[in-house]
Amino acid sequence: AQVIDATFEVEVNGQRIPATASFRPFYDPDNERIRL
């Protein structure tokens, strides 16, 4: 997919930081994947 193959950056305090695109969430809002 074009979105996954593209490169992204996020600007934080005037500095550009590389970012990763994903179709899956980077967090688990329902805590389904947490293992203790």
N, C-alpha and C. Protein backbone atom coordinates (compact mmCIF):
# COMPACT_ATOMS: atom_id res chain seq x y z
N ALA A 1 0.84 -1.19 0.00
CA ALA A 1 0.00 0.00 0.00
C ALA A 1 0.88 1.24 0.00
N GLN A 2 0.42 2.28 -0.60
CA GLN A 2 1.20 3.51 -0.69
C GLN A 2 1.44 4.15 0.67
N VAL A 3 0.49 4.03 1.57
CA VAL A 3 0.65 4.64 2.89
C VAL A 3 1.78 3.96 3.65
N ILE A 4 1.83 2.65 3.61
CA ILE A 4 2.86 1.91 4.35
C ILE A 4 4.24 2.14 3.75
N ASP A 5 4.34 2.28 2.43
CA ASP A 5 5.63 2.47 1.77
C ASP A 5 6.17 3.89 1.90
N ALA A 6 5.33 4.85 2.26
CA ALA A 6 5.75 6.24 2.36
C ALA A 6 6.53 6.48 3.65
N THR A 7 7.28 7.57 3.68
CA THR A 7 7.99 7.96 4.89
C THR A 7 7.28 9.16 5.51
N PHE A 8 7.26 9.19 6.83
CA PHE A 8 6.57 10.24 7.55
C PHE A 8 7.47 10.81 8.63
N GLU A 9 7.24 12.07 8.96
CA GLU A 9 7.96 12.71 10.05
C GLU A 9 6.96 13.51 10.88
N VAL A 10 7.26 13.61 12.17
CA VAL A 10 6.46 14.42 13.10
C VAL A 10 7.38 15.50 13.64
N GLU A 11 6.90 16.73 13.67
CA GLU A 11 7.71 17.81 14.19
C GLU A 11 7.41 18.03 15.67
N VAL A 12 8.47 17.94 16.50
CA VAL A 12 8.35 18.12 17.95
C VAL A 12 9.38 19.17 18.37
N ASN A 13 8.90 20.28 18.90
CA ASN A 13 9.79 21.37 19.34
C ASN A 13 10.76 21.80 18.24
N GLY A 14 10.28 21.86 17.01
CA GLY A 14 11.10 22.30 15.89
C GLY A 14 12.03 21.24 15.35
N GLN A 15 11.99 20.03 15.87
CA GLN A 15 12.84 18.94 15.40
C GLN A 15 11.98 17.88 14.73
N ARG A 16 12.41 17.41 13.56
CA ARG A 16 11.65 16.39 12.84
C ARG A 16 12.07 15.00 13.30
N ILE A 17 11.07 14.20 13.68
CA ILE A 17 11.30 12.85 14.19
C ILE A 17 10.66 11.87 13.22
N PRO A 18 11.37 10.80 12.79
CA PRO A 18 10.76 9.80 11.90
C PRO A 18 9.56 9.14 12.57
N ALA A 19 8.52 8.88 11.78
CA ALA A 19 7.31 8.25 12.29
C ALA A 19 6.97 7.03 11.43
N THR A 20 6.23 6.10 12.00
CA THR A 20 5.83 4.87 11.31
C THR A 20 4.32 4.85 11.13
N ALA A 21 3.88 4.53 9.91
CA ALA A 21 2.44 4.41 9.64
C ALA A 21 2.01 2.96 9.86
N SER A 22 0.79 2.80 10.36
CA SER A 22 0.26 1.46 10.60
C SER A 22 -1.26 1.49 10.45
N PHE A 23 -1.82 0.42 9.90
CA PHE A 23 -3.26 0.29 9.81
C PHE A 23 -3.85 -0.24 11.12
N ARG A 24 -3.02 -0.80 11.97
CA ARG A 24 -3.45 -1.30 13.28
C ARG A 24 -3.12 -0.25 14.32
N PRO A 25 -3.89 -0.15 15.38
CA PRO A 25 -3.58 0.83 16.42
C PRO A 25 -2.28 0.46 17.15
N PHE A 26 -1.54 1.48 17.57
CA PHE A 26 -0.31 1.25 18.32
C PHE A 26 -0.60 1.02 19.79
N TYR A 27 -1.82 1.21 20.19
CA TYR A 27 -2.22 0.99 21.58
C TYR A 27 -3.44 0.08 21.61
N ASP A 28 -3.73 -0.47 22.74
CA ASP A 28 -4.84 -1.41 22.90
C ASP A 28 -5.86 -0.80 23.86
N PRO A 29 -6.84 -0.05 23.35
CA PRO A 29 -7.77 0.66 24.24
C PRO A 29 -8.61 -0.25 25.12
N ASP A 30 -8.82 -1.50 24.72
CA ASP A 30 -9.62 -2.44 25.52
C ASP A 30 -8.75 -3.35 26.38
N ASN A 31 -7.44 -3.14 26.38
CA ASN A 31 -6.48 -3.95 27.15
C ASN A 31 -6.58 -5.44 26.83
N GLU A 32 -6.85 -5.76 25.59
CA GLU A 32 -6.97 -7.16 25.20
C GLU A 32 -5.61 -7.85 25.04
N ARG A 33 -4.56 -7.08 24.80
CA ARG A 33 -3.26 -7.68 24.55
C ARG A 33 -2.31 -7.59 25.74
N ILE A 34 -2.77 -7.02 26.83
CA ILE A 34 -1.90 -6.88 28.01
C ILE A 34 -1.74 -8.22 28.70
N ARG A 35 -0.51 -8.55 29.00
CA ARG A 35 -0.20 -9.80 29.72
C ARG A 35 0.59 -9.44 30.96
N LEU A 36 0.17 -9.94 32.07
CA LEU A 36 0.88 -9.66 33.33
C LEU A 36 1.71 -10.84 33.75
